[in-house]
Amino acid sequence: MNTNKHEHDCLQVLRYKDFVERKLIGNRTTLRRWMEREDDPFPQPIKLGPNSICWRCSDVEAWFERRAAASKGGVA
């Protein structure tokens, strides 16, 4: 069994603590505000259980890339 291929096929997810550890966000209020944006809201979370959510890493990376591109164009 090729475990490398399996590792790359797995869904990579981020939890709130991952955002904090990577210094992408400082508090839950900011995250909530990003999710409530009218234009290009932050990706919706995946519910893992009654008190546990996560986000697809690829969705979050794409969102940050769009925001970075928008800020270069003068739109934030």
PDB file of N, CA and C in Angstrom:
ATOM      1  N   MET A   1       0.839  -1.185   0.000  1.00  0.00           N
ATOM      2  CA  MET A   1       0.000   0.000   0.000  1.00  0.00           C
ATOM      3  C   MET A   1       0.877   1.239   0.000  1.00  0.00           C
ATOM      4  N   ASN A   2       0.571   2.159  -0.879  1.00  0.00           N
ATOM      5  CA  ASN A   2       1.336   3.391  -0.988  1.00  0.00           C
ATOM      6  C   ASN A   2       0.767   4.426  -0.021  1.00  0.00           C
ATOM      7  N   THR A   3       1.416   4.591   1.123  1.00  0.00           N
ATOM      8  CA  THR A   3       0.890   5.510   2.136  1.00  0.00           C
ATOM      9  C   THR A   3       1.074   6.967   1.736  1.00  0.00           C
ATOM     10  N   ASN A   4       2.098   7.271   0.918  1.00  0.00           N
ATOM     11  CA  ASN A   4       2.281   8.653   0.479  1.00  0.00           C
ATOM     12  C   ASN A   4       1.092   9.140  -0.317  1.00  0.00           C
ATOM     13  N   LYS A   5       0.611   8.335  -1.257  1.00  0.00           N
ATOM     14  CA  LYS A   5      -0.547   8.727  -2.046  1.00  0.00           C
ATOM     15  C   LYS A   5      -1.751   8.941  -1.134  1.00  0.00           C
ATOM     16  N   HIS A   6      -1.950   8.054  -0.176  1.00  0.00           N
ATOM     17  CA  HIS A   6      -3.086   8.180   0.741  1.00  0.00           C
ATOM     18  C   HIS A   6      -3.000   9.465   1.552  1.00  0.00           C
ATOM     19  N   GLU A   7      -1.799   9.822   1.989  1.00  0.00           N
ATOM     20  CA  GLU A   7      -1.635  11.051   2.778  1.00  0.00           C
ATOM     21  C   GLU A   7      -2.018  12.288   1.971  1.00  0.00           C
ATOM     22  N   HIS A   8      -1.698  12.288   0.689  1.00  0.00           N
ATOM     23  CA  HIS A   8      -2.023  13.449  -0.147  1.00  0.00           C
ATOM     24  C   HIS A   8      -3.499  13.502  -0.502  1.00  0.00           C
ATOM     25  N   ASP A   9      -4.181  12.367  -0.481  1.00  0.00           N
ATOM     26  CA  ASP A   9      -5.596  12.332  -0.795  1.00  0.00           C
ATOM     27  C   ASP A   9      -6.464  12.739   0.386  1.00  0.00           C
ATOM     28  N   CYS A  10      -5.903  12.753   1.583  1.00  0.00           N
ATOM     29  CA  CYS A  10      -6.681  13.064   2.779  1.00  0.00           C
ATOM     30  C   CYS A  10      -7.055  14.551   2.799  1.00  0.00           C
ATOM     31  N   LEU A  11      -8.201  14.814   3.362  1.00  0.00           N
ATOM     32  CA  LEU A  11      -8.674  16.184   3.529  1.00  0.00           C
ATOM     33  C   LEU A  11      -7.876  16.854   4.639  1.00  0.00           C
ATOM     34  N   GLN A  12      -7.262  17.969   4.327  1.00  0.00           N
ATOM     35  CA  GLN A  12      -6.530  18.712   5.342  1.00  0.00           C
ATOM     36  C   GLN A  12      -7.447  19.796   5.886  1.00  0.00           C
ATOM     37  N   VAL A  13      -7.509  19.884   7.197  1.00  0.00           N
ATOM     38  CA  VAL A  13      -8.409  20.841   7.833  1.00  0.00           C
ATOM     39  C   VAL A  13      -7.660  21.693   8.848  1.00  0.00           C
ATOM     40  N   LEU A  14      -8.248  22.841   9.138  1.00  0.00           N
ATOM     41  CA  LEU A  14      -7.723  23.756  10.146  1.00  0.00           C
ATOM     42  C   LEU A  14      -8.790  23.967  11.199  1.00  0.00           C
ATOM     43  N   ARG A  15      -8.361  24.044  12.429  1.00  0.00           N
ATOM     44  CA  ARG A  15      -9.267  24.371  13.525  1.00  0.00           C
ATOM     45  C   ARG A  15      -8.929  25.785  13.990  1.00  0.00           C
ATOM     46  N   TYR A  16      -9.783  26.363  14.809  1.00  0.00           N
ATOM     47  CA  TYR A  16      -9.566  27.728  15.291  1.00  0.00           C
ATOM     48  C   TYR A  16      -8.176  27.871  15.915  1.00  0.00           C
ATOM     49  N   LYS A  17      -7.772  26.900  16.719  1.00  0.00           N
ATOM     50  CA  LYS A  17      -6.464  26.969  17.388  1.00  0.00           C
ATOM     51  C   LYS A  17      -5.318  27.019  16.373  1.00  0.00           C
ATOM     52  N   ASP A  18      -5.518  26.397  15.202  1.00  0.00           N
ATOM     53  CA  ASP A  18      -4.496  26.458  14.152  1.00  0.00           C
ATOM     54  C   ASP A  18      -4.340  27.880  13.619  1.00  0.00           C
ATOM     55  N   PHE A  19      -5.461  28.598  13.471  1.00  0.00           N
ATOM     56  CA  PHE A  19      -5.401  29.994  13.034  1.00  0.00           C
ATOM     57  C   PHE A  19      -4.624  30.831  14.038  1.00  0.00           C
ATOM     58  N   VAL A  20      -4.891  30.614  15.321  1.00  0.00           N
ATOM     59  CA  VAL A  20      -4.223  31.379  16.382  1.00  0.00           C
ATOM     60  C   VAL A  20      -2.737  31.040  16.416  1.00  0.00           C
ATOM     61  N   GLU A  21      -2.400  29.742  16.354  1.00  0.00           N
ATOM     62  CA  GLU A  21      -0.999  29.319  16.400  1.00  0.00           C
ATOM     63  C   GLU A  21      -0.210  29.884  15.230  1.00  0.00           C
ATOM     64  N   ARG A  22      -0.829  29.991  14.073  1.00  0.00           N
ATOM     65  CA  ARG A  22      -0.154  30.517  12.878  1.00  0.00           C
ATOM     66  C   ARG A  22      -0.244  32.036  12.785  1.00  0.00           C
ATOM     67  N   LYS A  23      -0.827  32.639  13.802  1.00  0.00           N
ATOM     68  CA  LYS A  23      -0.986  34.097  13.879  1.00  0.00           C
ATOM     69  C   LYS A  23      -1.754  34.663  12.684  1.00  0.00           C
ATOM     70  N   LEU A  24      -2.741  33.896  12.220  1.00  0.00           N
ATOM     71  CA  LEU A  24      -3.612  34.354  11.140  1.00  0.00           C
ATOM     72  C   LEU A  24      -4.782  35.149  11.681  1.00  0.00           C
ATOM     73  N   ILE A  25      -5.086  34.918  12.953  1.00  0.00           N
ATOM     74  CA  ILE A  25      -6.236  35.574  13.577  1.00  0.00           C
ATOM     75  C   ILE A  25      -5.963  35.700  15.069  1.00  0.00           C
ATOM     76  N   GLY A  26      -6.512  36.742  15.669  1.00  0.00           N
ATOM     77  CA  GLY A  26      -6.255  36.970  17.077  1.00  0.00           C
ATOM     78  C   GLY A  26      -7.405  36.602  17.998  1.00  0.00           C
ATOM     79  N   ASN A  27      -8.640  36.599  17.445  1.00  0.00           N
ATOM     80  CA  ASN A  27      -9.773  36.294  18.312  1.00  0.00           C
ATOM     81  C   ASN A  27     -10.975  35.812  17.490  1.00  0.00           C
ATOM     82  N   ARG A  28     -11.941  35.249  18.179  1.00  0.00           N
ATOM     83  CA  ARG A  28     -13.124  34.691  17.512  1.00  0.00           C
ATOM     84  C   ARG A  28     -14.023  35.773  16.914  1.00  0.00           C
ATOM     85  N   THR A  29     -13.992  36.967  17.479  1.00  0.00           N
ATOM     86  CA  THR A  29     -14.819  38.050  16.956  1.00  0.00           C
ATOM     87  C   THR A  29     -14.408  38.388  15.522  1.00  0.00           C
ATOM     88  N   THR A  30     -13.114  38.458  15.283  1.00  0.00           N
ATOM     89  CA  THR A  30     -12.627  38.732  13.933  1.00  0.00           C
ATOM     90  C   THR A  30     -13.056  37.634  12.974  1.00  0.00           C
ATOM     91  N   LEU A  31     -12.916  36.391  13.388  1.00  0.00           N
ATOM     92  CA  LEU A  31     -13.341  35.266  12.546  1.00  0.00           C
ATOM     93  C   LEU A  31     -14.833  35.366  12.231  1.00  0.00           C
ATOM     94  N   ARG A  32     -15.635  35.651  13.213  1.00  0.00           N
ATOM     95  CA  ARG A  32     -17.082  35.796  13.013  1.00  0.00           C
ATOM     96  C   ARG A  32     -17.374  36.936  12.040  1.00  0.00           C
ATOM     97  N   ARG A  33     -16.669  38.043  12.198  1.00  0.00           N
ATOM     98  CA  ARG A  33     -16.851  39.196  11.306  1.00  0.00           C
ATOM     99  C   ARG A  33     -16.482  38.826   9.869  1.00  0.00           C
ATOM    100  N   TRP A  34     -15.396  38.079   9.688  1.00  0.00           N
ATOM    101  CA  TRP A  34     -15.003  37.632   8.356  1.00  0.00           C
ATOM    102  C   TRP A  34     -16.086  36.737   7.750  1.00  0.00           C
ATOM    103  N   MET A  35     -16.670  35.871   8.556  1.00  0.00           N
ATOM    104  CA  MET A  35     -17.690  34.949   8.062  1.00  0.00           C
ATOM    105  C   MET A  35     -18.979  35.678   7.687  1.00  0.00           C
ATOM    106  N   GLU A  36     -19.225  36.836   8.283  1.00  0.00           N
ATOM    107  CA  GLU A  36     -20.454  37.595   8.030  1.00  0.00           C
ATOM    108  C   GLU A  36     -20.293  38.636   6.923  1.00  0.00           C
ATOM    109  N   ARG A  37     -19.129  38.715   6.320  1.00  0.00           N
ATOM    110  CA  ARG A  37     -18.902  39.690   5.247  1.00  0.00           C
ATOM    111  C   ARG A  37     -19.893  39.467   4.112  1.00  0.00           C
ATOM    112  N   GLU A  38     -20.374  40.546   3.543  1.00  0.00           N
ATOM    113  CA  GLU A  38     -21.273  40.462   2.380  1.00  0.00           C
ATOM    114  C   GLU A  38     -20.485  40.081   1.130  1.00  0.00           C
ATOM    115  N   ASP A  39     -19.329  40.722   0.959  1.00  0.00           N
ATOM    116  CA  ASP A  39     -18.493  40.441  -0.208  1.00  0.00           C
ATOM    117  C   ASP A  39     -17.388  39.461   0.188  1.00  0.00           C
ATOM    118  N   ASP A  40     -17.379  38.322  -0.418  1.00  0.00           N
ATOM    119  CA  ASP A  40     -16.363  37.293  -0.197  1.00  0.00           C
ATOM    120  C   ASP A  40     -16.214  36.882   1.268  1.00  0.00           C
ATOM    121  N   PRO A  41     -17.257  36.293   1.849  1.00  0.00           N
ATOM    122  CA  PRO A  41     -17.157  35.850   3.250  1.00  0.00           C
ATOM    123  C   PRO A  41     -16.143  34.725   3.418  1.00  0.00           C
ATOM    124  N   PHE A  42     -15.653  34.595   4.627  1.00  0.00           N
ATOM    125  CA  PHE A  42     -14.748  33.508   4.986  1.00  0.00           C
ATOM    126  C   PHE A  42     -15.477  32.190   4.755  1.00  0.00           C
ATOM    127  N   PRO A  43     -14.760  31.131   4.346  1.00  0.00           N
ATOM    128  CA  PRO A  43     -15.418  29.841   4.084  1.00  0.00           C
ATOM    129  C   PRO A  43     -16.232  29.338   5.282  1.00  0.00           C
ATOM    130  N   GLN A  44     -17.315  28.666   4.976  1.00  0.00           N
ATOM    131  CA  GLN A  44     -18.156  28.091   6.016  1.00  0.00           C
ATOM    132  C   GLN A  44     -17.435  26.904   6.663  1.00  0.00           C
ATOM    133  N   PRO A  45     -17.588  26.726   7.963  1.00  0.00           N
ATOM    134  CA  PRO A  45     -16.920  25.615   8.641  1.00  0.00           C
ATOM    135  C   PRO A  45     -17.621  24.286   8.374  1.00  0.00           C
ATOM    136  N   ILE A  46     -16.898  23.230   8.657  1.00  0.00           N
ATOM    137  CA  ILE A  46     -17.431  21.869   8.607  1.00  0.00           C
ATOM    138  C   ILE A  46     -17.693  21.470  10.045  1.00  0.00           C
ATOM    139  N   LYS A  47     -18.886  21.029  10.340  1.00  0.00           N
ATOM    140  CA  LYS A  47     -19.237  20.634  11.708  1.00  0.00           C
ATOM    141  C   LYS A  47     -18.792  19.187  11.925  1.00  0.00           C
ATOM    142  N   LEU A  48     -17.900  18.999  12.892  1.00  0.00           N
ATOM    143  CA  LEU A  48     -17.392  17.666  13.221  1.00  0.00           C
ATOM    144  C   LEU A  48     -18.197  17.009  14.331  1.00  0.00           C
ATOM    145  N   GLY A  49     -18.771  17.805  15.176  1.00  0.00           N
ATOM    146  CA  GLY A  49     -19.531  17.307  16.314  1.00  0.00           C
ATOM    147  C   GLY A  49     -20.285  18.465  16.939  1.00  0.00           C
ATOM    148  N   PRO A  50     -20.943  18.231  18.065  1.00  0.00           N
ATOM    149  CA  PRO A  50     -21.751  19.287  18.674  1.00  0.00           C
ATOM    150  C   PRO A  50     -20.949  20.528  19.078  1.00  0.00           C
ATOM    151  N   ASN A  51     -19.686  20.370  19.412  1.00  0.00           N
ATOM    152  CA  ASN A  51     -18.857  21.504  19.848  1.00  0.00           C
ATOM    153  C   ASN A  51     -17.545  21.586  19.088  1.00  0.00           C
ATOM    154  N   SER A  52     -17.518  21.096  17.858  1.00  0.00           N
ATOM    155  CA  SER A  52     -16.265  21.027  17.126  1.00  0.00           C
ATOM    156  C   SER A  52     -16.487  21.346  15.650  1.00  0.00           C
ATOM    157  N   ILE A  53     -15.726  22.330  15.152  1.00  0.00           N
ATOM    158  CA  ILE A  53     -15.790  22.682  13.745  1.00  0.00           C
ATOM    159  C   ILE A  53     -14.379  22.822  13.193  1.00  0.00           C
ATOM    160  N   CYS A  54     -14.275  22.766  11.872  1.00  0.00           N
ATOM    161  CA  CYS A  54     -12.998  22.970  11.203  1.00  0.00           C
ATOM    162  C   CYS A  54     -13.270  23.572   9.833  1.00  0.00           C
ATOM    163  N   TRP A  55     -12.208  23.949   9.148  1.00  0.00           N
ATOM    164  CA  TRP A  55     -12.308  24.511   7.806  1.00  0.00           C
ATOM    165  C   TRP A  55     -11.363  23.749   6.901  1.00  0.00           C
ATOM    166  N   ARG A  56     -11.756  23.565   5.640  1.00  0.00           N
ATOM    167  CA  ARG A  56     -10.864  22.950   4.661  1.00  0.00           C
ATOM    168  C   ARG A  56      -9.692  23.900   4.428  1.00  0.00           C
ATOM    169  N   CYS A  57      -8.506  23.367   4.518  1.00  0.00           N
ATOM    170  CA  CYS A  57      -7.294  24.162   4.338  1.00  0.00           C
ATOM    171  C   CYS A  57      -7.297  24.816   2.954  1.00  0.00           C
ATOM    172  N   SER A  58      -7.691  24.092   1.933  1.00  0.00           N
ATOM    173  CA  SER A  58      -7.694  24.638   0.574  1.00  0.00           C
ATOM    174  C   SER A  58      -8.659  25.812   0.441  1.00  0.00           C
ATOM    175  N   ASP A  59      -9.815  25.753   1.106  1.00  0.00           N
ATOM    176  CA  ASP A  59     -10.779  26.860   1.063  1.00  0.00           C
ATOM    177  C   ASP A  59     -10.212  28.102   1.743  1.00  0.00           C
ATOM    178  N   VAL A  60      -9.564  27.904   2.883  1.00  0.00           N
ATOM    179  CA  VAL A  60      -8.993  29.025   3.637  1.00  0.00           C
ATOM    180  C   VAL A  60      -7.842  29.655   2.852  1.00  0.00           C
ATOM    181  N   GLU A  61      -6.981  28.824   2.278  1.00  0.00           N
ATOM    182  CA  GLU A  61      -5.866  29.350   1.489  1.00  0.00           C
ATOM    183  C   GLU A  61      -6.382  30.162   0.309  1.00  0.00           C
ATOM    184  N   ALA A  62      -7.412  29.670  -0.378  1.00  0.00           N
ATOM    185  CA  ALA A  62      -7.987  30.380  -1.521  1.00  0.00           C
ATOM    186  C   ALA A  62      -8.567  31.720  -1.077  1.00  0.00           C
ATOM    187  N   TRP A  63      -9.224  31.740   0.080  1.00  0.00           N
ATOM    188  CA  TRP A  63      -9.800  32.983   0.595  1.00  0.00           C
ATOM    189  C   TRP A  63      -8.712  34.014   0.880  1.00  0.00           C
ATOM    190  N   PHE A  64      -7.631  33.572   1.549  1.00  0.00           N
ATOM    191  CA  PHE A  64      -6.538  34.492   1.847  1.00  0.00           C
ATOM    192  C   PHE A  64      -5.880  34.995   0.561  1.00  0.00           C
ATOM    193  N   GLU A  65      -5.747  34.141  -0.441  1.00  0.00           N
ATOM    194  CA  GLU A  65      -5.179  34.560  -1.724  1.00  0.00           C
ATOM    195  C   GLU A  65      -6.055  35.620  -2.386  1.00  0.00           C
ATOM    196  N   ARG A  66      -7.378  35.417  -2.372  1.00  0.00           N
ATOM    197  CA  ARG A  66      -8.294  36.418  -2.949  1.00  0.00           C
ATOM    198  C   ARG A  66      -8.184  37.743  -2.202  1.00  0.00           C
ATOM    199  N   ARG A  67      -8.107  37.683  -0.881  1.00  0.00           N
ATOM    200  CA  ARG A  67      -8.004  38.904  -0.075  1.00  0.00           C
ATOM    201  C   ARG A  67      -6.691  39.625  -0.375  1.00  0.00           C
ATOM    202  N   ALA A  68      -5.599  38.869  -0.512  1.00  0.00           N
ATOM    203  CA  ALA A  68      -4.306  39.472  -0.822  1.00  0.00           C
ATOM    204  C   ALA A  68      -4.339  40.130  -2.199  1.00  0.00           C
ATOM    205  N   ALA A  69      -4.940  39.463  -3.165  1.00  0.00           N
ATOM    206  CA  ALA A  69      -5.049  40.026  -4.515  1.00  0.00           C
ATOM    207  C   ALA A  69      -5.918  41.277  -4.497  1.00  0.00           C
ATOM    208  N   ALA A  70      -7.009  41.252  -3.726  1.00  0.00           N
ATOM    209  CA  ALA A  70      -7.902  42.408  -3.642  1.00  0.00           C
ATOM    210  C   ALA A  70      -7.198  43.598  -2.989  1.00  0.00           C
ATOM    211  N   SER A  71      -6.376  43.335  -1.986  1.00  0.00           N
ATOM    212  CA  SER A  71      -5.691  44.440  -1.302  1.00  0.00           C
ATOM    213  C   SER A  71      -4.628  45.072  -2.218  1.00  0.00           C
ATOM    214  N   LYS A  72      -4.039  44.283  -3.095  1.00  0.00           N
ATOM    215  CA  LYS A  72      -3.071  44.830  -4.061  1.00  0.00           C
ATOM    216  C   LYS A  72      -3.775  45.713  -5.077  1.00  0.00           C
ATOM    217  N   GLY A  73      -5.043  45.393  -5.347  1.00  0.00           N
ATOM    218  CA  GLY A  73      -5.801  46.181  -6.300  1.00  0.00           C
ATOM    219  C   GLY A  73      -6.472  47.390  -5.691  1.00  0.00           C
ATOM    220  N   GLY A  74      -6.276  47.596  -4.383  1.00  0.00           N
ATOM    221  CA  GLY A  74      -6.842  48.758  -3.718  1.00  0.00           C
ATOM    222  C   GLY A  74      -8.200  48.516  -3.124  1.00  0.00           C
ATOM    223  N   VAL A  75      -8.684  47.260  -3.155  1.00  0.00           N
ATOM    224  CA  VAL A  75      -9.981  46.919  -2.575  1.00  0.00           C
ATOM    225  C   VAL A  75      -9.744  45.975  -1.420  1.00  0.00           C
ATOM    226  N   ALA A  76     -10.243  46.301  -0.250  1.00  0.00           N
ATOM    227  CA  ALA A  76     -10.024  45.438   0.921  1.00  0.00           C
ATOM    228  C   ALA A  76     -11.284  44.761   1.363  1.00  0.00           C
TER     229      ALA A  76
END
